[in-house]
Amino acid sequence: MSILSEAFGDGSIIIKESVADRDEAISIAGECLVVSRKAKPEYIESMLAAVEKFGPYIVIAPGIALAHGKPGDEVLATGLSLLMIREPIEFKHSENDPVQLVFGLAATDHDSHIEVMAELASFLSDSNRINSVLTCSNIEQIRALLA
């Protein structure tokens, strides 16, 4: 099992037809971190506050956002979550909107997530993998791609 696939705990991946807006998407990605025991519910507020303060910098590539908050007591373990949205939404990013994949990141400190992020970056650099994720009809198919 890869570091990347291990970062996605049980309950950390969800597929939705649609969400209302950016805040709901971030909240759902955060809830997946809570369900998978990577973060406490309070961490979701940290994720939302970061985007409120700094803007849509979390939209890291066309169609892909990486939502996160500050490392702290609200983080239980380093991990990832994924919300796939069938109907893309606007994050108000000037170049990379609309977004369909919202990854959530929980990091216990400023260094513990480096290996996970390196594997995620490698995964996301392959457009065929991204397209494969977007065509998945269930969570098990997504997990297989991440393995």
N, C-alpha and C. Protein backbone atom coordinates (compact mmCIF):
# COMPACT_ATOMS: atom_id res chain seq x y z
N MET A 1 0.84 -1.19 0.00
CA MET A 1 0.00 0.00 0.00
C MET A 1 0.89 1.25 0.00
N SER A 2 0.53 2.21 -0.81
CA SER A 2 1.34 3.42 -0.92
C SER A 2 1.02 4.40 0.22
N ILE A 3 1.95 5.33 0.41
CA ILE A 3 1.74 6.39 1.40
C ILE A 3 0.46 7.15 1.06
N LEU A 4 0.25 7.38 -0.24
CA LEU A 4 -0.92 8.13 -0.67
C LEU A 4 -2.21 7.39 -0.30
N SER A 5 -2.30 6.13 -0.63
CA SER A 5 -3.54 5.39 -0.34
C SER A 5 -3.76 5.26 1.16
N GLU A 6 -2.70 5.16 1.94
CA GLU A 6 -2.83 5.08 3.40
C GLU A 6 -3.32 6.39 4.00
N ALA A 7 -3.06 7.50 3.33
CA ALA A 7 -3.47 8.81 3.84
C ALA A 7 -4.99 8.98 3.81
N PHE A 8 -5.66 8.19 2.96
CA PHE A 8 -7.12 8.25 2.85
C PHE A 8 -7.72 7.17 3.76
N GLY A 9 -8.16 7.57 4.96
CA GLY A 9 -8.75 6.63 5.89
C GLY A 9 -10.17 6.25 5.50
N ASP A 10 -10.76 5.34 6.27
CA ASP A 10 -12.15 4.95 6.03
C ASP A 10 -13.05 6.18 6.14
N GLY A 11 -13.92 6.35 5.17
CA GLY A 11 -14.85 7.48 5.19
C GLY A 11 -14.27 8.78 4.67
N SER A 12 -13.07 8.72 4.10
CA SER A 12 -12.41 9.95 3.67
C SER A 12 -12.71 10.36 2.23
N ILE A 13 -13.44 9.53 1.49
CA ILE A 13 -13.75 9.84 0.09
C ILE A 13 -15.26 9.84 -0.09
N ILE A 14 -15.75 10.85 -0.78
CA ILE A 14 -17.18 10.96 -1.02
C ILE A 14 -17.42 11.50 -2.43
N ILE A 15 -18.50 11.04 -3.04
CA ILE A 15 -18.91 11.53 -4.36
C ILE A 15 -20.27 12.20 -4.19
N LYS A 16 -20.39 13.42 -4.69
CA LYS A 16 -21.66 14.16 -4.62
C LYS A 16 -22.02 14.63 -6.03
N GLU A 17 -23.30 14.65 -6.31
CA GLU A 17 -23.76 15.19 -7.59
C GLU A 17 -23.50 16.69 -7.67
N SER A 18 -23.81 17.39 -6.57
CA SER A 18 -23.63 18.83 -6.56
C SER A 18 -23.50 19.32 -5.12
N VAL A 19 -22.93 20.50 -4.98
CA VAL A 19 -22.88 21.20 -3.70
C VAL A 19 -23.25 22.66 -3.97
N ALA A 20 -23.66 23.35 -2.93
CA ALA A 20 -24.15 24.72 -3.09
C ALA A 20 -23.05 25.70 -3.49
N ASP A 21 -21.88 25.57 -2.84
CA ASP A 21 -20.83 26.57 -3.07
C ASP A 21 -19.50 26.07 -2.52
N ARG A 22 -18.51 26.93 -2.64
CA ARG A 22 -17.15 26.63 -2.19
C ARG A 22 -17.11 26.25 -0.71
N ASP A 23 -17.80 27.00 0.13
CA ASP A 23 -17.77 26.72 1.57
C ASP A 23 -18.36 25.35 1.89
N GLU A 24 -19.42 24.98 1.20
CA GLU A 24 -19.99 23.65 1.44
C GLU A 24 -19.01 22.57 0.99
N ALA A 25 -18.35 22.78 -0.13
CA ALA A 25 -17.37 21.80 -0.63
C ALA A 25 -16.23 21.62 0.38
N ILE A 26 -15.70 22.72 0.88
CA ILE A 26 -14.62 22.65 1.87
C ILE A 26 -15.11 21.98 3.14
N SER A 27 -16.31 22.31 3.57
CA SER A 27 -16.87 21.70 4.78
C SER A 27 -17.03 20.19 4.63
N ILE A 28 -17.48 19.75 3.47
CA ILE A 28 -17.64 18.30 3.24
C ILE A 28 -16.27 17.62 3.24
N ALA A 29 -15.28 18.21 2.59
CA ALA A 29 -13.92 17.65 2.62
C ALA A 29 -13.41 17.58 4.05
N GLY A 30 -13.72 18.60 4.85
CA GLY A 30 -13.33 18.61 6.26
C GLY A 30 -14.06 17.55 7.06
N GLU A 31 -15.36 17.40 6.80
CA GLU A 31 -16.13 16.36 7.50
C GLU A 31 -15.56 14.97 7.22
N CYS A 32 -15.08 14.76 6.00
CA CYS A 32 -14.46 13.47 5.66
C CYS A 32 -13.18 13.25 6.47
N LEU A 33 -12.44 14.31 6.75
CA LEU A 33 -11.26 14.19 7.61
C LEU A 33 -11.68 13.84 9.04
N VAL A 34 -12.80 14.38 9.47
CA VAL A 34 -13.30 14.07 10.82
C VAL A 34 -13.77 12.62 10.88
N VAL A 35 -14.56 12.19 9.90
CA VAL A 35 -15.07 10.82 9.87
C VAL A 35 -13.92 9.81 9.84
N SER A 36 -12.86 10.14 9.11
CA SER A 36 -11.72 9.22 9.00
C SER A 36 -10.74 9.36 10.17
N ARG A 37 -11.12 10.12 11.16
CA ARG A 37 -10.35 10.30 12.40
C ARG A 37 -8.99 10.96 12.18
N LYS A 38 -8.92 11.85 11.23
CA LYS A 38 -7.70 12.61 10.98
C LYS A 38 -7.75 13.99 11.64
N ALA A 39 -8.98 14.47 11.90
CA ALA A 39 -9.14 15.81 12.47
C ALA A 39 -10.39 15.87 13.36
N LYS A 40 -10.39 16.87 14.22
CA LYS A 40 -11.56 17.16 15.05
C LYS A 40 -12.49 18.08 14.26
N PRO A 41 -13.77 18.13 14.61
CA PRO A 41 -14.71 19.00 13.88
C PRO A 41 -14.27 20.46 13.80
N GLU A 42 -13.56 20.95 14.81
CA GLU A 42 -13.11 22.34 14.81
C GLU A 42 -12.15 22.65 13.67
N TYR A 43 -11.52 21.63 13.12
CA TYR A 43 -10.57 21.84 12.03
C TYR A 43 -11.26 22.39 10.78
N ILE A 44 -12.51 22.05 10.61
CA ILE A 44 -13.26 22.55 9.44
C ILE A 44 -13.29 24.08 9.45
N GLU A 45 -13.47 24.66 10.63
CA GLU A 45 -13.47 26.13 10.73
C GLU A 45 -12.12 26.72 10.32
N SER A 46 -11.05 26.02 10.66
CA SER A 46 -9.71 26.46 10.26
C SER A 46 -9.54 26.42 8.74
N MET A 47 -10.11 25.39 8.12
CA MET A 47 -10.05 25.27 6.66
C MET A 47 -10.80 26.42 5.99
N LEU A 48 -11.99 26.70 6.49
CA LEU A 48 -12.81 27.78 5.93
C LEU A 48 -12.16 29.14 6.17
N ALA A 49 -11.57 29.32 7.34
CA ALA A 49 -10.93 30.60 7.68
C ALA A 49 -9.74 30.88 6.76
N ALA A 50 -9.00 29.85 6.40
CA ALA A 50 -7.83 30.04 5.52
C ALA A 50 -8.25 30.60 4.16
N VAL A 51 -9.32 30.04 3.60
CA VAL A 51 -9.79 30.53 2.29
C VAL A 51 -10.41 31.92 2.43
N GLU A 52 -11.10 32.15 3.52
CA GLU A 52 -11.69 33.47 3.75
C GLU A 52 -10.59 34.54 3.83
N LYS A 53 -9.50 34.20 4.51
CA LYS A 53 -8.42 35.16 4.71
C LYS A 53 -7.54 35.34 3.47
N PHE A 54 -7.20 34.23 2.80
CA PHE A 54 -6.21 34.28 1.73
C PHE A 54 -6.79 34.14 0.32
N GLY A 55 -8.09 33.86 0.21
CA GLY A 55 -8.70 33.73 -1.10
C GLY A 55 -8.55 32.32 -1.66
N PRO A 56 -8.84 32.15 -2.95
CA PRO A 56 -8.92 30.82 -3.55
C PRO A 56 -7.56 30.23 -3.96
N TYR A 57 -6.51 30.55 -3.21
CA TYR A 57 -5.18 30.00 -3.50
C TYR A 57 -5.16 28.48 -3.43
N ILE A 58 -6.15 27.88 -2.79
CA ILE A 58 -6.19 26.42 -2.64
C ILE A 58 -6.55 25.71 -3.94
N VAL A 59 -6.97 26.46 -4.96
CA VAL A 59 -7.24 25.85 -6.27
C VAL A 59 -5.88 25.74 -6.96
N ILE A 60 -5.30 24.53 -6.85
CA ILE A 60 -3.89 24.32 -7.19
C ILE A 60 -3.65 23.95 -8.65
N ALA A 61 -4.71 23.56 -9.34
CA ALA A 61 -4.60 23.17 -10.75
C ALA A 61 -6.01 23.25 -11.34
N PRO A 62 -6.12 23.23 -12.66
CA PRO A 62 -7.47 23.29 -13.24
C PRO A 62 -8.37 22.18 -12.67
N GLY A 63 -9.46 22.61 -12.03
CA GLY A 63 -10.46 21.68 -11.52
C GLY A 63 -10.13 21.02 -10.20
N ILE A 64 -9.01 21.42 -9.56
CA ILE A 64 -8.56 20.74 -8.34
C ILE A 64 -8.26 21.75 -7.24
N ALA A 65 -8.85 21.50 -6.06
CA ALA A 65 -8.59 22.33 -4.89
C ALA A 65 -8.00 21.46 -3.78
N LEU A 66 -7.15 22.06 -2.96
CA LEU A 66 -6.55 21.39 -1.81
C LEU A 66 -6.84 22.25 -0.58
N ALA A 67 -7.92 21.91 0.11
CA ALA A 67 -8.37 22.67 1.27
C ALA A 67 -7.62 22.20 2.52
N HIS A 68 -7.19 23.15 3.33
CA HIS A 68 -6.47 22.81 4.56
C HIS A 68 -6.54 23.97 5.52
N GLY A 69 -6.27 23.66 6.77
CA GLY A 69 -6.17 24.67 7.80
C GLY A 69 -4.76 24.63 8.38
N LYS A 70 -4.57 25.32 9.49
CA LYS A 70 -3.27 25.33 10.13
C LYS A 70 -3.07 24.06 10.96
N PRO A 71 -1.85 23.54 11.00
CA PRO A 71 -1.58 22.43 11.92
C PRO A 71 -1.87 22.90 13.35
N GLY A 72 -2.37 22.00 14.15
CA GLY A 72 -2.66 22.36 15.54
C GLY A 72 -3.37 21.23 16.26
N ASP A 73 -3.92 21.55 17.40
CA ASP A 73 -4.58 20.56 18.24
C ASP A 73 -5.81 19.95 17.59
N GLU A 74 -6.37 20.62 16.56
CA GLU A 74 -7.55 20.10 15.88
C GLU A 74 -7.22 18.94 14.95
N VAL A 75 -5.92 18.74 14.67
CA VAL A 75 -5.49 17.66 13.78
C VAL A 75 -5.05 16.47 14.63
N LEU A 76 -5.63 15.31 14.34
CA LEU A 76 -5.31 14.09 15.08
C LEU A 76 -4.21 13.28 14.41
N ALA A 77 -4.17 13.30 13.08
CA ALA A 77 -3.17 12.57 12.31
C ALA A 77 -3.08 13.17 10.92
N THR A 78 -1.94 13.05 10.30
CA THR A 78 -1.80 13.53 8.93
C THR A 78 -2.63 12.65 8.01
N GLY A 79 -3.41 13.29 7.15
CA GLY A 79 -4.24 12.52 6.24
C GLY A 79 -4.90 13.38 5.19
N LEU A 80 -5.58 12.70 4.27
CA LEU A 80 -6.25 13.35 3.16
C LEU A 80 -7.70 12.90 3.07
N SER A 81 -8.49 13.74 2.44
CA SER A 81 -9.87 13.38 2.08
C SER A 81 -10.08 13.83 0.64
N LEU A 82 -11.18 13.35 0.05
CA LEU A 82 -11.49 13.75 -1.32
C LEU A 82 -13.00 13.84 -1.50
N LEU A 83 -13.44 14.98 -1.97
CA LEU A 83 -14.81 15.18 -2.41
C LEU A 83 -14.77 15.32 -3.93
N MET A 84 -15.46 14.41 -4.62
CA MET A 84 -15.61 14.54 -6.07
C MET A 84 -17.02 15.07 -6.32
N ILE A 85 -17.10 16.18 -7.06
CA ILE A 85 -18.38 16.82 -7.35
C ILE A 85 -18.67 16.63 -8.84
N ARG A 86 -19.78 16.01 -9.15
CA ARG A 86 -20.13 15.77 -10.56
C ARG A 86 -20.38 17.08 -11.31
N GLU A 87 -21.05 18.03 -10.66
CA GLU A 87 -21.30 19.34 -11.27
C GLU A 87 -20.25 20.32 -10.73
N PRO A 88 -19.30 20.74 -11.57
CA PRO A 88 -18.22 21.63 -11.12
C PRO A 88 -18.76 22.92 -10.49
N ILE A 89 -17.98 23.46 -9.55
CA ILE A 89 -18.37 24.70 -8.87
C ILE A 89 -17.26 25.73 -8.97
N GLU A 90 -17.63 26.97 -8.79
CA GLU A 90 -16.70 28.09 -8.83
C GLU A 90 -16.08 28.31 -7.45
N PHE A 91 -14.77 28.46 -7.42
CA PHE A 91 -14.05 28.83 -6.20
C PHE A 91 -13.57 30.28 -6.30
N LYS A 92 -13.89 30.93 -7.43
CA LYS A 92 -13.47 32.30 -7.72
C LYS A 92 -11.97 32.41 -7.96
N HIS A 93 -11.39 31.36 -8.55
CA HIS A 93 -9.98 31.39 -8.95
C HIS A 93 -9.92 31.89 -10.39
N SER A 94 -8.99 32.78 -10.68
CA SER A 94 -8.95 33.42 -11.99
C SER A 94 -8.59 32.47 -13.13
N GLU A 95 -7.89 31.36 -12.85
CA GLU A 95 -7.44 30.49 -13.93
C GLU A 95 -7.93 29.05 -13.84
N ASN A 96 -8.14 28.53 -12.64
CA ASN A 96 -8.35 27.10 -12.48
C ASN A 96 -9.78 26.67 -12.16
N ASP A 97 -10.73 27.58 -12.21
CA ASP A 97 -12.14 27.22 -12.03
C ASP A 97 -12.68 26.60 -13.30
N PRO A 98 -13.74 25.86 -13.25
CA PRO A 98 -14.45 25.39 -12.06
C PRO A 98 -13.76 24.15 -11.47
N VAL A 99 -14.15 23.81 -10.24
CA VAL A 99 -13.52 22.73 -9.48
C VAL A 99 -14.45 21.53 -9.38
N GLN A 100 -13.87 20.34 -9.56
CA GLN A 100 -14.61 19.09 -9.38
C GLN A 100 -14.01 18.20 -8.31
N LEU A 101 -12.71 18.35 -8.05
CA LEU A 101 -12.04 17.53 -7.05
C LEU A 101 -11.56 18.44 -5.92
N VAL A 102 -12.07 18.19 -4.72
CA VAL A 102 -11.67 18.96 -3.55
C VAL A 102 -11.00 18.01 -2.56
N PHE A 103 -9.68 18.12 -2.47
CA PHE A 103 -8.93 17.34 -1.51
C PHE A 103 -8.89 18.11 -0.20
N GLY A 104 -8.99 17.41 0.90
CA GLY A 104 -8.80 17.99 2.22
C GLY A 104 -7.48 17.47 2.77
N LEU A 105 -6.73 18.33 3.42
CA LEU A 105 -5.46 17.94 4.01
C LEU A 105 -5.46 18.29 5.49
N ALA A 106 -5.11 17.31 6.30
CA ALA A 106 -4.87 17.54 7.73
C ALA A 106 -3.40 17.21 7.98
N ALA A 107 -2.67 18.12 8.60
CA ALA A 107 -1.25 17.90 8.90
C ALA A 107 -1.00 18.22 10.37
N THR A 108 -0.29 17.33 11.03
CA THR A 108 -0.04 17.51 12.46
C THR A 108 0.99 18.61 12.73
N ASP A 109 1.86 18.87 11.74
CA ASP A 109 2.86 19.93 11.86
C ASP A 109 3.24 20.38 10.46
N HIS A 110 4.26 21.20 10.37
CA HIS A 110 4.62 21.75 9.06
C HIS A 110 5.45 20.81 8.19
N ASP A 111 5.87 19.65 8.73
CA ASP A 111 6.73 18.75 7.97
C ASP A 111 6.14 17.37 7.73
N SER A 112 5.23 16.92 8.57
CA SER A 112 4.76 15.53 8.54
C SER A 112 4.04 15.14 7.24
N HIS A 113 3.55 16.10 6.52
CA HIS A 113 2.76 15.80 5.32
C HIS A 113 3.55 15.86 4.01
N ILE A 114 4.85 16.09 4.09
CA ILE A 114 5.64 16.30 2.88
C ILE A 114 5.62 15.07 1.96
N GLU A 115 5.80 13.87 2.51
CA GLU A 115 5.79 12.67 1.67
C GLU A 115 4.43 12.44 1.03
N VAL A 116 3.38 12.64 1.81
CA VAL A 116 2.02 12.48 1.29
C VAL A 116 1.78 13.48 0.15
N MET A 117 2.20 14.71 0.36
CA MET A 117 1.99 15.74 -0.66
C MET A 117 2.81 15.45 -1.91
N ALA A 118 4.00 14.90 -1.75
CA ALA A 118 4.82 14.55 -2.91
C ALA A 118 4.11 13.48 -3.75
N GLU A 119 3.54 12.47 -3.09
CA GLU A 119 2.82 11.43 -3.83
C GLU A 119 1.55 11.99 -4.46
N LEU A 120 0.85 12.87 -3.73
CA LEU A 120 -0.35 13.48 -4.30
C LEU A 120 0.01 14.33 -5.52
N ALA A 121 1.08 15.09 -5.43
CA ALA A 121 1.52 15.92 -6.57
C ALA A 121 1.84 15.05 -7.78
N SER A 122 2.50 13.94 -7.55
CA SER A 122 2.81 13.03 -8.64
C SER A 122 1.53 12.47 -9.26
N PHE A 123 0.59 12.08 -8.42
CA PHE A 123 -0.68 11.56 -8.90
C PHE A 123 -1.42 12.62 -9.72
N LEU A 124 -1.46 13.84 -9.21
CA LEU A 124 -2.21 14.91 -9.87
C LEU A 124 -1.53 15.44 -11.12
N SER A 125 -0.26 15.14 -11.30
CA SER A 125 0.44 15.61 -12.49
C SER A 125 0.12 14.77 -13.72
N ASP A 126 -0.59 13.67 -13.53
CA ASP A 126 -0.96 12.78 -14.63
C ASP A 126 -2.42 13.03 -15.01
N SER A 127 -2.63 13.71 -16.13
CA SER A 127 -4.00 14.06 -16.53
C SER A 127 -4.86 12.83 -16.79
N ASN A 128 -4.25 11.73 -17.22
CA ASN A 128 -5.02 10.49 -17.42
C ASN A 128 -5.59 9.98 -16.10
N ARG A 129 -4.80 10.07 -15.03
CA ARG A 129 -5.30 9.66 -13.71
C ARG A 129 -6.45 10.54 -13.26
N ILE A 130 -6.29 11.85 -13.47
CA ILE A 130 -7.36 12.79 -13.08
C ILE A 130 -8.64 12.44 -13.83
N ASN A 131 -8.53 12.26 -15.13
CA ASN A 131 -9.70 11.91 -15.93
C ASN A 131 -10.31 10.59 -15.48
N SER A 132 -9.46 9.63 -15.10
CA SER A 132 -9.96 8.35 -14.60
C SER A 132 -10.75 8.53 -13.31
N VAL A 133 -10.23 9.36 -12.40
CA VAL A 133 -10.95 9.63 -11.15
C VAL A 133 -12.32 10.23 -11.46
N LEU A 134 -12.35 11.18 -12.37
CA LEU A 134 -13.60 11.87 -12.70
C LEU A 134 -14.64 10.95 -13.33
N THR A 135 -14.22 9.83 -13.89
CA THR A 135 -15.18 8.90 -14.49
C THR A 135 -15.57 7.77 -13.54
N CYS A 136 -15.00 7.74 -12.36
CA CYS A 136 -15.35 6.69 -11.39
C CYS A 136 -16.80 6.82 -10.95
N SER A 137 -17.45 5.69 -10.80
CA SER A 137 -18.85 5.71 -10.35
C SER A 137 -18.99 5.38 -8.87
N ASN A 138 -17.90 4.92 -8.24
CA ASN A 138 -17.99 4.64 -6.80
C ASN A 138 -16.64 4.84 -6.12
N ILE A 139 -16.68 4.83 -4.80
CA ILE A 139 -15.50 5.10 -3.99
C ILE A 139 -14.43 4.02 -4.16
N GLU A 140 -14.85 2.78 -4.29
CA GLU A 140 -13.89 1.68 -4.45
C GLU A 140 -13.03 1.88 -5.70
N GLN A 141 -13.62 2.38 -6.78
CA GLN A 141 -12.86 2.64 -8.00
C GLN A 141 -11.83 3.74 -7.76
N ILE A 142 -12.22 4.76 -7.03
CA ILE A 142 -11.27 5.85 -6.72
C ILE A 142 -10.13 5.30 -5.87
N ARG A 143 -10.45 4.52 -4.85
CA ARG A 143 -9.42 3.94 -3.99
C ARG A 143 -8.44 3.09 -4.80
N ALA A 144 -8.95 2.35 -5.76
CA ALA A 144 -8.08 1.52 -6.60
C ALA A 144 -7.10 2.39 -7.40
N LEU A 145 -7.56 3.52 -7.88
CA LEU A 145 -6.67 4.42 -8.63
C LEU A 145 -5.60 5.03 -7.73
N LEU A 146 -5.94 5.28 -6.48
CA LEU A 146 -5.00 5.89 -5.54
C LEU A 146 -3.97 4.89 -5.03
N ALA A 147 -4.25 3.61 -5.16
CA ALA A 147 -3.35 2.57 -4.62
C ALA A 147 -2.09 2.43 -5.45
